[in-house]
N, C-alpha and C. Protein backbone atom coordinates (compact mmCIF):
# COMPACT_ATOMS: atom_id res chain seq x y z
N UNK A 1 90.77 120.99 117.60
CA UNK A 1 89.38 120.54 117.58
C UNK A 1 89.29 119.01 117.57
N UNK A 2 90.15 118.38 118.34
CA UNK A 2 90.16 116.92 118.36
C UNK A 2 88.85 116.36 118.94
N UNK A 3 88.09 117.21 119.66
CA UNK A 3 86.83 116.74 120.24
C UNK A 3 85.83 116.34 119.16
N UNK A 4 85.94 116.94 117.97
CA UNK A 4 85.01 116.64 116.88
C UNK A 4 85.12 115.17 116.49
N UNK A 5 86.34 114.71 116.20
CA UNK A 5 86.53 113.32 115.81
C UNK A 5 86.21 112.37 116.96
N UNK A 6 86.47 112.79 118.18
CA UNK A 6 86.13 111.93 119.32
C UNK A 6 84.62 111.72 119.41
N UNK A 7 83.86 112.76 119.13
CA UNK A 7 82.41 112.63 119.15
C UNK A 7 81.94 111.68 118.03
N UNK A 8 82.54 111.82 116.86
CA UNK A 8 82.19 110.93 115.74
C UNK A 8 82.53 109.49 116.08
N UNK A 9 83.70 109.28 116.68
CA UNK A 9 84.12 107.93 117.06
C UNK A 9 83.20 107.34 118.13
N UNK A 10 82.77 108.19 119.06
CA UNK A 10 81.86 107.72 120.11
C UNK A 10 80.52 107.30 119.52
N UNK A 11 80.02 108.07 118.54
CA UNK A 11 78.78 107.71 117.86
C UNK A 11 78.93 106.37 117.15
N UNK A 12 80.06 106.20 116.47
CA UNK A 12 80.30 104.95 115.74
C UNK A 12 80.36 103.75 116.68
N UNK A 13 81.02 103.92 117.83
CA UNK A 13 81.13 102.82 118.80
C UNK A 13 79.76 102.45 119.36
N UNK A 14 78.97 103.46 119.69
CA UNK A 14 77.62 103.19 120.22
C UNK A 14 76.76 102.47 119.18
N UNK A 15 76.81 102.93 117.95
CA UNK A 15 76.02 102.31 116.89
C UNK A 15 76.45 100.87 116.66
N UNK A 16 77.75 100.63 116.69
CA UNK A 16 78.27 99.28 116.48
C UNK A 16 77.83 98.36 117.61
N UNK A 17 77.87 98.86 118.86
CA UNK A 17 77.46 98.04 120.00
C UNK A 17 75.98 97.68 119.92
N UNK A 18 75.15 98.65 119.54
CA UNK A 18 73.72 98.40 119.40
C UNK A 18 73.45 97.37 118.31
N UNK A 19 74.13 97.54 117.17
CA UNK A 19 73.93 96.63 116.05
C UNK A 19 74.34 95.21 116.40
N UNK A 20 75.44 95.07 117.13
CA UNK A 20 75.92 93.73 117.49
C UNK A 20 74.89 92.97 118.32
N UNK A 21 74.12 93.72 119.13
CA UNK A 21 73.09 93.09 119.97
C UNK A 21 71.82 92.83 119.16
N UNK A 22 71.36 93.85 118.44
CA UNK A 22 70.07 93.74 117.75
C UNK A 22 70.12 92.88 116.49
N UNK A 23 71.31 92.69 115.92
CA UNK A 23 71.43 91.87 114.72
C UNK A 23 71.97 90.48 115.02
N UNK A 24 72.07 90.16 116.30
CA UNK A 24 72.65 88.86 116.68
C UNK A 24 71.84 87.69 116.12
N UNK A 25 70.50 87.83 116.11
CA UNK A 25 69.66 86.74 115.63
C UNK A 25 69.80 86.54 114.12
N UNK A 26 70.34 87.57 113.43
CA UNK A 26 70.57 87.46 112.00
C UNK A 26 71.96 86.93 111.69
N UNK A 27 72.72 86.65 112.76
CA UNK A 27 74.12 86.19 112.62
C UNK A 27 74.97 87.24 111.93
N UNK A 28 74.72 88.49 112.31
CA UNK A 28 75.48 89.61 111.73
C UNK A 28 76.23 90.33 112.84
N UNK A 29 77.34 89.76 113.24
CA UNK A 29 78.14 90.37 114.30
C UNK A 29 79.33 91.09 113.70
N UNK A 30 79.93 91.96 114.50
CA UNK A 30 81.16 92.65 114.12
C UNK A 30 81.08 93.37 112.78
N UNK A 31 80.01 94.10 112.58
CA UNK A 31 79.90 94.94 111.40
C UNK A 31 79.52 94.24 110.12
N UNK A 32 79.13 92.97 110.19
CA UNK A 32 78.75 92.25 108.97
C UNK A 32 77.53 92.87 108.29
N UNK A 33 76.69 93.56 109.09
CA UNK A 33 75.50 94.18 108.50
C UNK A 33 75.88 95.27 107.48
N UNK A 34 77.06 95.89 107.67
CA UNK A 34 77.51 96.91 106.72
C UNK A 34 77.78 96.29 105.35
N UNK A 35 78.39 95.11 105.36
CA UNK A 35 78.68 94.43 104.11
C UNK A 35 77.38 93.95 103.44
N UNK A 36 76.48 93.40 104.24
CA UNK A 36 75.22 92.92 103.68
C UNK A 36 74.41 94.08 103.10
N UNK A 37 74.40 95.19 103.79
CA UNK A 37 73.70 96.38 103.29
C UNK A 37 74.28 96.82 101.96
N UNK A 38 75.60 96.83 101.89
CA UNK A 38 76.27 97.24 100.64
C UNK A 38 75.90 96.30 99.49
N UNK A 39 75.91 95.00 99.76
CA UNK A 39 75.61 94.03 98.71
C UNK A 39 74.16 94.16 98.26
N UNK A 40 73.24 94.35 99.20
CA UNK A 40 71.83 94.48 98.85
C UNK A 40 71.56 95.76 98.06
N UNK A 41 72.30 96.81 98.35
CA UNK A 41 72.11 98.07 97.65
C UNK A 41 72.92 98.15 96.37
N UNK A 42 73.88 97.22 96.21
CA UNK A 42 74.71 97.18 95.00
C UNK A 42 74.85 95.74 94.51
N UNK A 43 73.74 95.08 94.19
CA UNK A 43 73.84 93.68 93.76
C UNK A 43 74.66 93.54 92.48
N UNK A 44 75.51 92.51 92.47
CA UNK A 44 76.34 92.29 91.30
C UNK A 44 77.65 93.04 91.31
N UNK A 45 77.93 93.73 92.40
CA UNK A 45 79.19 94.47 92.51
C UNK A 45 80.36 93.49 92.60
N UNK A 46 81.46 93.77 91.90
CA UNK A 46 82.63 92.89 92.02
C UNK A 46 83.15 92.88 93.46
N UNK A 47 83.48 91.70 93.96
CA UNK A 47 83.95 91.59 95.35
C UNK A 47 85.20 92.41 95.60
N UNK A 48 86.02 92.57 94.56
CA UNK A 48 87.27 93.31 94.72
C UNK A 48 87.10 94.79 94.96
N UNK A 49 85.92 95.34 94.66
CA UNK A 49 85.69 96.77 94.86
C UNK A 49 85.15 97.08 96.25
N UNK A 50 84.74 96.05 96.98
CA UNK A 50 84.14 96.26 98.31
C UNK A 50 85.09 96.94 99.28
N UNK A 51 86.38 96.53 99.37
CA UNK A 51 87.27 97.19 100.34
C UNK A 51 87.36 98.70 100.16
N UNK A 52 87.52 99.13 98.92
CA UNK A 52 87.64 100.56 98.67
C UNK A 52 86.33 101.30 98.91
N UNK A 53 85.23 100.69 98.55
CA UNK A 53 83.93 101.34 98.73
C UNK A 53 83.58 101.50 100.20
N UNK A 54 83.94 100.50 101.02
CA UNK A 54 83.62 100.55 102.45
C UNK A 54 84.79 101.04 103.30
N UNK A 55 85.92 101.31 102.66
CA UNK A 55 87.12 101.81 103.35
C UNK A 55 87.57 100.84 104.43
N UNK A 56 87.78 99.60 104.01
CA UNK A 56 88.27 98.56 104.93
C UNK A 56 89.43 97.85 104.25
N UNK A 57 90.15 97.05 105.02
CA UNK A 57 91.26 96.29 104.47
C UNK A 57 90.74 95.16 103.59
N UNK A 58 91.52 94.83 102.58
CA UNK A 58 91.10 93.79 101.63
C UNK A 58 90.87 92.45 102.33
N UNK A 59 91.76 92.10 103.27
CA UNK A 59 91.63 90.83 103.97
C UNK A 59 90.36 90.80 104.81
N UNK A 60 90.04 91.93 105.45
CA UNK A 60 88.83 92.00 106.28
C UNK A 60 87.57 91.86 105.43
N UNK A 61 87.56 92.49 104.26
CA UNK A 61 86.41 92.39 103.37
C UNK A 61 86.25 90.96 102.86
N UNK A 62 87.36 90.32 102.54
CA UNK A 62 87.30 88.94 102.05
C UNK A 62 86.73 88.01 103.10
N UNK A 63 87.17 88.18 104.36
CA UNK A 63 86.65 87.34 105.46
C UNK A 63 85.17 87.59 105.69
N UNK A 64 84.77 88.86 105.63
CA UNK A 64 83.37 89.20 105.87
C UNK A 64 82.46 88.62 104.80
N UNK A 65 82.85 88.75 103.53
CA UNK A 65 82.03 88.20 102.45
C UNK A 65 81.96 86.67 102.53
N UNK A 66 83.07 86.05 102.92
CA UNK A 66 83.08 84.60 103.07
C UNK A 66 82.15 84.17 104.19
N UNK A 67 82.14 84.94 105.29
CA UNK A 67 81.26 84.65 106.42
C UNK A 67 79.80 84.78 106.01
N UNK A 68 79.49 85.84 105.27
CA UNK A 68 78.11 86.03 104.79
C UNK A 68 77.69 84.91 103.85
N UNK A 69 78.61 84.47 103.03
CA UNK A 69 78.29 83.37 102.12
C UNK A 69 78.07 82.07 102.90
N UNK A 70 78.89 81.83 103.92
CA UNK A 70 78.73 80.63 104.75
C UNK A 70 77.39 80.62 105.47
N UNK A 71 76.90 81.82 105.82
CA UNK A 71 75.62 81.93 106.52
C UNK A 71 74.44 81.94 105.55
N UNK A 72 74.73 81.87 104.26
CA UNK A 72 73.65 81.84 103.27
C UNK A 72 73.00 83.18 103.00
N UNK A 73 73.72 84.27 103.29
CA UNK A 73 73.16 85.60 103.11
C UNK A 73 73.55 86.23 101.77
N UNK A 74 74.68 85.83 101.24
CA UNK A 74 75.11 86.32 99.93
C UNK A 74 75.67 85.14 99.14
N UNK A 75 75.84 85.36 97.84
CA UNK A 75 76.43 84.34 96.98
C UNK A 75 77.41 85.03 96.03
N UNK A 76 78.56 84.43 95.85
CA UNK A 76 79.57 84.95 94.94
C UNK A 76 79.54 84.12 93.66
N UNK A 77 79.37 84.80 92.54
CA UNK A 77 79.24 84.10 91.26
C UNK A 77 80.35 84.52 90.30
N UNK A 78 80.79 83.58 89.51
CA UNK A 78 81.78 83.87 88.48
C UNK A 78 81.16 84.81 87.46
N UNK A 79 82.02 85.69 86.92
CA UNK A 79 81.56 86.63 85.89
C UNK A 79 82.46 86.51 84.68
N UNK A 80 81.87 86.39 83.49
CA UNK A 80 82.68 86.21 82.27
C UNK A 80 83.67 87.34 82.03
N UNK A 81 83.28 88.58 82.41
CA UNK A 81 84.14 89.73 82.15
C UNK A 81 85.11 90.03 83.28
N UNK A 82 85.13 89.19 84.30
CA UNK A 82 86.07 89.36 85.40
C UNK A 82 86.97 88.14 85.48
N UNK A 83 88.26 88.34 85.34
CA UNK A 83 89.19 87.22 85.32
C UNK A 83 89.38 86.56 86.69
N UNK A 84 89.78 87.38 87.66
CA UNK A 84 90.11 86.83 88.97
C UNK A 84 89.11 87.22 90.05
N UNK A 85 88.04 87.87 89.68
CA UNK A 85 87.09 88.38 90.66
C UNK A 85 85.72 87.74 90.46
N UNK A 86 84.88 87.89 91.48
CA UNK A 86 83.51 87.39 91.41
C UNK A 86 82.55 88.51 91.75
N UNK A 87 81.33 88.38 91.31
CA UNK A 87 80.30 89.35 91.64
C UNK A 87 79.48 88.83 92.82
N UNK A 88 79.06 89.77 93.67
CA UNK A 88 78.35 89.40 94.90
C UNK A 88 76.88 89.76 94.79
N UNK A 89 76.04 88.80 95.13
CA UNK A 89 74.59 89.01 95.10
C UNK A 89 73.97 88.57 96.43
N UNK A 90 72.91 89.25 96.88
CA UNK A 90 72.23 88.81 98.10
C UNK A 90 71.31 87.63 97.80
N UNK A 91 71.19 86.73 98.75
CA UNK A 91 70.23 85.63 98.62
C UNK A 91 68.88 86.12 99.13
N UNK A 92 67.86 85.31 99.01
CA UNK A 92 66.54 85.68 99.55
C UNK A 92 66.62 85.87 101.06
N UNK A 93 67.43 85.04 101.72
CA UNK A 93 67.62 85.19 103.17
C UNK A 93 68.30 86.51 103.48
N UNK A 94 69.28 86.86 102.64
CA UNK A 94 69.98 88.13 102.83
C UNK A 94 69.07 89.32 102.62
N UNK A 95 68.20 89.24 101.62
CA UNK A 95 67.25 90.33 101.36
C UNK A 95 66.28 90.50 102.52
N UNK A 96 65.86 89.37 103.09
CA UNK A 96 64.95 89.43 104.24
C UNK A 96 65.63 90.10 105.43
N UNK A 97 66.90 89.74 105.66
CA UNK A 97 67.65 90.36 106.76
C UNK A 97 67.85 91.85 106.51
N UNK A 98 68.02 92.21 105.25
CA UNK A 98 68.22 93.62 104.90
C UNK A 98 67.00 94.46 105.24
N UNK A 99 65.81 93.89 105.10
CA UNK A 99 64.60 94.62 105.46
C UNK A 99 64.62 95.01 106.94
N UNK A 100 65.09 94.09 107.78
CA UNK A 100 65.20 94.37 109.21
C UNK A 100 66.25 95.46 109.46
N UNK A 101 67.36 95.39 108.73
CA UNK A 101 68.42 96.39 108.87
C UNK A 101 67.90 97.77 108.46
N UNK A 102 67.07 97.81 107.43
CA UNK A 102 66.48 99.08 107.00
C UNK A 102 65.61 99.69 108.09
N UNK A 103 64.79 98.86 108.72
CA UNK A 103 63.94 99.35 109.80
C UNK A 103 64.78 99.91 110.95
N UNK A 104 65.86 99.20 111.28
CA UNK A 104 66.75 99.67 112.34
C UNK A 104 67.39 100.99 111.96
N UNK A 105 67.79 101.12 110.68
CA UNK A 105 68.42 102.35 110.23
C UNK A 105 67.48 103.55 110.30
N UNK A 106 66.24 103.35 109.90
CA UNK A 106 65.27 104.43 109.96
C UNK A 106 64.99 104.87 111.40
N UNK A 107 64.87 103.89 112.29
CA UNK A 107 64.64 104.22 113.70
C UNK A 107 65.84 104.96 114.28
N UNK A 108 67.05 104.48 113.96
CA UNK A 108 68.27 105.10 114.49
C UNK A 108 68.42 106.52 113.97
N UNK A 109 68.05 106.75 112.72
CA UNK A 109 68.11 108.11 112.18
C UNK A 109 67.22 109.05 112.98
N UNK A 110 65.99 108.62 113.21
CA UNK A 110 65.05 109.46 113.95
C UNK A 110 65.52 109.67 115.39
N UNK A 111 66.03 108.61 115.99
CA UNK A 111 66.47 108.69 117.38
C UNK A 111 67.70 109.58 117.55
N UNK A 112 68.69 109.40 116.67
CA UNK A 112 69.94 110.14 116.82
C UNK A 112 69.80 111.61 116.43
N UNK A 113 68.84 111.93 115.56
CA UNK A 113 68.67 113.31 115.11
C UNK A 113 67.56 114.02 115.87
N UNK A 114 67.11 113.41 116.94
CA UNK A 114 66.04 114.00 117.74
C UNK A 114 66.46 115.38 118.26
N UNK A 115 65.60 116.38 118.09
CA UNK A 115 65.90 117.72 118.58
C UNK A 115 66.55 118.61 117.53
N UNK A 116 66.92 118.05 116.38
CA UNK A 116 67.50 118.86 115.31
C UNK A 116 66.43 119.23 114.29
N UNK A 117 66.48 120.46 113.83
CA UNK A 117 65.53 120.90 112.81
C UNK A 117 65.97 120.35 111.45
N UNK A 118 65.08 120.34 110.46
CA UNK A 118 65.47 119.89 109.12
C UNK A 118 66.67 120.65 108.57
N UNK A 119 66.73 121.95 108.82
CA UNK A 119 67.86 122.75 108.35
C UNK A 119 69.15 122.33 109.06
N UNK A 120 69.07 122.08 110.36
CA UNK A 120 70.25 121.65 111.11
C UNK A 120 70.72 120.27 110.65
N UNK A 121 69.76 119.40 110.37
CA UNK A 121 70.10 118.06 109.87
C UNK A 121 70.81 118.15 108.53
N UNK A 122 70.30 118.99 107.64
CA UNK A 122 70.93 119.16 106.33
C UNK A 122 72.33 119.76 106.47
N UNK A 123 72.46 120.72 107.39
CA UNK A 123 73.77 121.34 107.62
C UNK A 123 74.76 120.34 108.19
N UNK A 124 74.30 119.51 109.12
CA UNK A 124 75.16 118.48 109.71
C UNK A 124 75.62 117.48 108.66
N UNK A 125 74.70 117.06 107.80
CA UNK A 125 75.04 116.12 106.74
C UNK A 125 76.09 116.70 105.80
N UNK A 126 75.91 117.96 105.45
CA UNK A 126 76.85 118.62 104.54
C UNK A 126 78.24 118.69 105.18
N UNK A 127 78.31 119.06 106.45
CA UNK A 127 79.61 119.18 107.12
C UNK A 127 80.28 117.82 107.28
N UNK A 128 79.48 116.80 107.63
CA UNK A 128 80.05 115.45 107.78
C UNK A 128 80.56 114.94 106.44
N UNK A 129 79.87 115.26 105.38
CA UNK A 129 80.31 114.85 104.04
C UNK A 129 81.66 115.46 103.71
N UNK A 130 81.82 116.73 104.04
CA UNK A 130 83.10 117.40 103.77
C UNK A 130 84.21 116.84 104.63
N UNK A 131 83.90 116.50 105.88
CA UNK A 131 84.89 115.87 106.76
C UNK A 131 85.30 114.51 106.20
N UNK A 132 84.31 113.76 105.72
CA UNK A 132 84.61 112.43 105.18
C UNK A 132 85.55 112.52 103.98
N UNK A 133 85.36 113.51 103.13
CA UNK A 133 86.25 113.67 101.99
C UNK A 133 87.68 113.92 102.44
N UNK A 134 87.84 114.73 103.50
CA UNK A 134 89.18 114.99 104.03
C UNK A 134 89.81 113.72 104.58
N UNK A 135 89.02 112.95 105.31
CA UNK A 135 89.54 111.72 105.91
C UNK A 135 89.87 110.69 104.83
N UNK A 136 89.03 110.60 103.81
CA UNK A 136 89.28 109.66 102.72
C UNK A 136 90.58 109.99 102.00
N UNK A 137 90.88 111.27 101.89
CA UNK A 137 92.12 111.66 101.23
C UNK A 137 93.32 111.12 102.02
N UNK A 138 93.27 111.25 103.34
CA UNK A 138 94.33 110.70 104.18
C UNK A 138 94.35 109.18 104.11
N UNK A 139 93.16 108.58 104.08
CA UNK A 139 93.07 107.12 104.03
C UNK A 139 93.75 106.57 102.78
N UNK A 140 93.43 107.16 101.64
CA UNK A 140 94.04 106.72 100.39
C UNK A 140 95.54 106.95 100.40
N UNK A 141 95.97 108.06 100.97
CA UNK A 141 97.39 108.41 101.04
C UNK A 141 98.16 107.40 101.88
N UNK A 142 97.63 107.07 103.06
CA UNK A 142 98.30 106.13 103.95
C UNK A 142 98.27 104.71 103.39
N UNK A 143 97.16 104.34 102.72
CA UNK A 143 97.06 103.00 102.14
C UNK A 143 98.14 102.77 101.09
N UNK A 144 98.59 103.85 100.44
CA UNK A 144 99.63 103.73 99.42
C UNK A 144 101.04 103.80 100.01
N UNK A 145 101.12 103.88 101.34
CA UNK A 145 102.42 103.89 101.99
C UNK A 145 102.95 105.26 102.35
N UNK A 146 102.14 106.29 102.18
CA UNK A 146 102.60 107.63 102.49
C UNK A 146 102.66 107.89 104.00
N UNK A 147 103.50 108.81 104.38
CA UNK A 147 103.60 109.22 105.78
C UNK A 147 102.99 110.61 105.94
N UNK A 148 102.09 110.73 106.88
CA UNK A 148 101.50 112.04 107.13
C UNK A 148 102.52 112.91 107.87
N UNK A 149 102.41 114.24 107.75
CA UNK A 149 103.46 115.14 108.26
C UNK A 149 103.83 114.95 109.73
N UNK A 150 102.88 114.59 110.58
CA UNK A 150 103.22 114.49 112.01
C UNK A 150 104.24 113.38 112.26
N UNK A 151 104.22 112.32 111.45
CA UNK A 151 105.21 111.25 111.59
C UNK A 151 106.59 111.77 111.23
N UNK A 152 106.64 112.53 110.16
CA UNK A 152 107.89 113.16 109.72
C UNK A 152 108.47 114.01 110.84
N UNK A 153 107.64 114.84 111.43
CA UNK A 153 108.09 115.74 112.50
C UNK A 153 108.50 114.96 113.75
N UNK A 154 107.75 113.93 114.08
CA UNK A 154 108.03 113.14 115.29
C UNK A 154 109.41 112.48 115.20
N UNK A 155 109.68 111.81 114.09
CA UNK A 155 110.96 111.11 113.97
C UNK A 155 112.13 112.08 113.82
N UNK A 156 111.91 113.22 113.22
CA UNK A 156 112.97 114.21 113.15
C UNK A 156 113.29 114.77 114.54
N UNK A 157 112.29 114.85 115.41
CA UNK A 157 112.55 115.27 116.79
C UNK A 157 113.39 114.21 117.51
N UNK A 158 113.08 112.93 117.24
CA UNK A 158 113.88 111.87 117.84
C UNK A 158 115.33 111.94 117.38
N UNK A 159 115.51 112.16 116.08
CA UNK A 159 116.86 112.27 115.53
C UNK A 159 117.61 113.45 116.14
N UNK A 160 116.89 114.58 116.26
CA UNK A 160 117.52 115.77 116.84
C UNK A 160 117.91 115.52 118.30
N UNK A 161 117.02 114.84 119.04
CA UNK A 161 117.32 114.55 120.45
C UNK A 161 118.52 113.62 120.57
N UNK A 162 118.58 112.63 119.67
CA UNK A 162 119.70 111.69 119.70
C UNK A 162 121.01 112.41 119.39
N UNK A 163 120.98 113.32 118.40
CA UNK A 163 122.17 114.08 118.05
C UNK A 163 122.61 114.97 119.20
N UNK A 164 121.63 115.56 119.89
CA UNK A 164 121.94 116.43 121.02
C UNK A 164 122.55 115.63 122.17
N UNK A 165 122.03 114.43 122.39
CA UNK A 165 122.55 113.59 123.46
C UNK A 165 123.99 113.15 123.17
N UNK A 166 124.27 112.82 121.91
CA UNK A 166 125.64 112.43 121.55
C UNK A 166 126.60 113.59 121.72
N UNK A 167 126.12 114.79 121.38
CA UNK A 167 126.96 115.97 121.54
C UNK A 167 127.27 116.20 123.01
N UNK A 168 126.29 115.99 123.88
CA UNK A 168 126.52 116.14 125.32
C UNK A 168 127.49 115.09 125.82
N UNK A 169 127.39 113.88 125.29
CA UNK A 169 128.31 112.81 125.70
C UNK A 169 129.75 113.18 125.39
N UNK A 170 129.93 113.82 124.23
CA UNK A 170 131.29 114.18 123.83
C UNK A 170 131.82 115.36 124.62
N UNK A 171 130.94 116.33 124.89
CA UNK A 171 131.39 117.55 125.58
C UNK A 171 131.48 117.35 127.09
N UNK A 172 130.52 116.59 127.65
CA UNK A 172 130.46 116.41 129.10
C UNK A 172 130.24 114.93 129.42
N UNK A 173 131.27 114.17 129.56
CA UNK A 173 131.11 112.74 129.86
C UNK A 173 130.50 112.48 131.24
N UNK A 174 130.42 113.53 132.08
CA UNK A 174 129.90 113.35 133.43
C UNK A 174 128.40 113.04 133.38
N UNK A 175 127.95 111.91 133.93
CA UNK A 175 126.56 111.47 133.89
C UNK A 175 125.64 112.43 134.63
N UNK A 176 126.10 112.99 135.74
CA UNK A 176 125.26 113.89 136.54
C UNK A 176 124.92 115.15 135.76
N UNK A 177 125.89 115.67 135.00
CA UNK A 177 125.64 116.87 134.19
C UNK A 177 124.59 116.60 133.12
N UNK A 178 124.72 115.43 132.47
CA UNK A 178 123.77 115.10 131.41
C UNK A 178 122.35 114.96 131.94
N UNK A 179 122.19 114.40 133.14
CA UNK A 179 120.87 114.25 133.71
C UNK A 179 120.24 115.60 134.00
N UNK A 180 121.05 116.55 134.53
CA UNK A 180 120.54 117.89 134.82
C UNK A 180 120.14 118.59 133.52
N UNK A 181 120.92 118.39 132.46
CA UNK A 181 120.62 119.04 131.19
C UNK A 181 119.32 118.52 130.61
N UNK A 182 119.06 117.21 130.75
CA UNK A 182 117.83 116.64 130.25
C UNK A 182 116.61 117.19 130.96
N UNK A 183 116.75 117.43 132.27
CA UNK A 183 115.63 117.95 133.03
C UNK A 183 115.33 119.39 132.66
N UNK A 184 116.38 120.15 132.32
CA UNK A 184 116.19 121.55 131.98
C UNK A 184 115.74 121.74 130.53
N UNK A 185 116.11 120.80 129.65
CA UNK A 185 115.78 120.90 128.23
C UNK A 185 114.99 119.68 127.80
N UNK A 186 113.66 119.80 127.62
CA UNK A 186 112.84 118.66 127.21
C UNK A 186 113.36 118.04 125.92
N UNK A 187 113.33 116.74 125.87
CA UNK A 187 113.87 116.01 124.72
C UNK A 187 113.14 116.34 123.45
N UNK A 188 111.81 116.50 123.54
CA UNK A 188 111.02 116.66 122.34
C UNK A 188 110.59 118.12 122.13
N UNK A 189 111.51 119.05 122.33
CA UNK A 189 111.21 120.45 122.06
C UNK A 189 110.92 120.64 120.58
N UNK A 190 109.87 121.36 120.26
CA UNK A 190 109.48 121.52 118.86
C UNK A 190 110.16 122.71 118.19
N UNK A 191 110.85 123.55 118.97
CA UNK A 191 111.48 124.72 118.41
C UNK A 191 112.97 124.67 118.70
N UNK A 192 113.74 125.35 117.85
CA UNK A 192 115.16 125.41 118.06
C UNK A 192 115.87 124.12 117.79
N UNK A 193 115.29 123.26 116.94
CA UNK A 193 115.89 121.98 116.66
C UNK A 193 116.73 122.08 115.39
N UNK A 194 117.86 121.38 115.36
CA UNK A 194 118.67 121.28 114.16
C UNK A 194 118.83 119.82 113.85
N UNK A 195 118.43 119.42 112.66
CA UNK A 195 118.46 118.02 112.28
C UNK A 195 119.39 117.87 111.08
N UNK A 196 120.25 116.88 111.13
CA UNK A 196 121.14 116.63 110.01
C UNK A 196 120.30 116.24 108.80
N UNK A 197 120.57 116.90 107.66
CA UNK A 197 119.74 116.69 106.48
C UNK A 197 119.79 115.26 105.99
N UNK A 198 120.94 114.59 106.15
CA UNK A 198 121.05 113.23 105.62
C UNK A 198 120.33 112.22 106.47
N UNK A 199 119.79 112.60 107.65
CA UNK A 199 119.11 111.67 108.52
C UNK A 199 117.63 111.99 108.66
N UNK A 200 117.15 112.96 107.91
CA UNK A 200 115.74 113.30 107.99
C UNK A 200 114.90 112.16 107.43
N UNK A 201 113.75 111.94 108.06
CA UNK A 201 112.83 110.90 107.60
C UNK A 201 112.15 111.37 106.32
N UNK A 202 112.18 110.53 105.29
CA UNK A 202 111.56 110.91 104.03
C UNK A 202 110.05 111.02 104.19
N UNK A 203 109.46 111.97 103.51
CA UNK A 203 108.01 112.23 103.61
C UNK A 203 107.42 112.34 102.22
N UNK A 204 106.39 111.52 101.97
CA UNK A 204 105.66 111.67 100.72
C UNK A 204 104.64 112.77 100.89
N UNK A 205 104.44 113.53 99.85
CA UNK A 205 103.32 114.46 99.83
C UNK A 205 102.23 113.86 98.95
N UNK A 206 101.04 114.42 98.99
CA UNK A 206 99.97 113.93 98.15
C UNK A 206 100.37 114.02 96.68
N UNK A 207 101.04 115.15 96.33
CA UNK A 207 101.44 115.35 94.95
C UNK A 207 102.48 114.31 94.53
N UNK A 208 103.45 114.02 95.44
CA UNK A 208 104.47 113.02 95.12
C UNK A 208 103.85 111.65 94.93
N UNK A 209 102.87 111.32 95.76
CA UNK A 209 102.20 110.03 95.63
C UNK A 209 101.53 109.92 94.27
N UNK A 210 100.88 110.99 93.83
CA UNK A 210 100.22 110.98 92.53
C UNK A 210 101.25 110.82 91.42
N UNK A 211 102.39 111.51 91.55
CA UNK A 211 103.43 111.40 90.53
C UNK A 211 103.99 109.98 90.48
N UNK A 212 104.19 109.38 91.66
CA UNK A 212 104.72 108.03 91.70
C UNK A 212 103.73 107.03 91.10
N UNK A 213 102.45 107.22 91.37
CA UNK A 213 101.43 106.35 90.79
C UNK A 213 101.44 106.45 89.26
N UNK A 214 101.52 107.69 88.77
CA UNK A 214 101.53 107.89 87.32
C UNK A 214 102.78 107.25 86.70
N UNK A 215 103.91 107.38 87.40
CA UNK A 215 105.15 106.79 86.89
C UNK A 215 105.06 105.28 86.85
N UNK A 216 104.49 104.67 87.91
CA UNK A 216 104.36 103.22 87.95
C UNK A 216 103.41 102.73 86.84
N UNK A 217 102.32 103.46 86.65
CA UNK A 217 101.37 103.08 85.60
C UNK A 217 102.01 103.16 84.22
N UNK A 218 102.82 104.21 83.99
CA UNK A 218 103.49 104.37 82.71
C UNK A 218 104.50 103.26 82.49
N UNK A 219 105.29 102.94 83.54
CA UNK A 219 106.28 101.87 83.42
C UNK A 219 105.61 100.53 83.15
N UNK A 220 104.47 100.30 83.83
CA UNK A 220 103.74 99.05 83.62
C UNK A 220 103.20 98.94 82.21
N UNK A 221 102.72 100.07 81.68
CA UNK A 221 102.18 100.07 80.32
C UNK A 221 103.28 99.81 79.31
N UNK A 222 104.44 100.47 79.52
CA UNK A 222 105.56 100.29 78.61
C UNK A 222 106.07 98.86 78.65
N UNK A 223 106.09 98.28 79.86
CA UNK A 223 106.54 96.90 80.01
C UNK A 223 105.59 95.94 79.29
N UNK A 224 104.28 96.23 79.35
CA UNK A 224 103.29 95.37 78.69
C UNK A 224 103.33 95.51 77.18
N UNK A 225 103.76 96.70 76.69
CA UNK A 225 103.82 96.92 75.25
C UNK A 225 105.03 96.29 74.61
N UNK A 226 106.03 95.94 75.42
CA UNK A 226 107.24 95.36 74.86
C UNK A 226 106.97 93.95 74.34
N UNK A 227 107.45 93.67 73.18
CA UNK A 227 107.27 92.36 72.60
C UNK A 227 108.50 91.51 72.84
N UNK A 228 108.32 90.21 73.08
CA UNK A 228 109.49 89.36 73.28
C UNK A 228 110.30 89.23 72.02
N UNK A 229 111.63 89.18 72.19
CA UNK A 229 112.52 89.07 71.04
C UNK A 229 112.34 87.73 70.33
């Protein structure tokens, strides 16, 4: 059902293209309106929480907030209870721009959901919410350095193909024979593969990632509790 995600991606691309044109006069290009919307709806939010809330890279969020501040749309203020972080607030200019963004959002909602009944709209929202939870789980997993199963399988196929090719080299040094064998037996066959256990690509599972996080947190706590001699 890869068509489902392709449709979602197509919707996102169209919305982004429209926003880049219609928000140009507000100096909100390349998705900056998403950050401004978040700040206006969550004034005083620590800047460090923005990447996780919007599911973007930390460096991208930092550049976006800096751009908004340079344009006079938001302001970052020191907070007594935050050591290395700042809280983000919209300026009056930012609030004014947000009103325009709200109007665009309401129009886009009506336009994109045209032809759907209230029940269908509610059903669509529920299904998209469940899909988002699934995607967020993968997002968090990959952000922590985990490998999703298809990567594990892909590299193990490469290893198996390499082992098979070496075996052919040893048994049949004749180049013509090896070429014929490759044509008859696809390199990336998914069945009938034997992979040496010591060369398998390591794969984290969601459970292993959670265990590793807990272990790191425990080690960090124990290290912090140790007193210098």
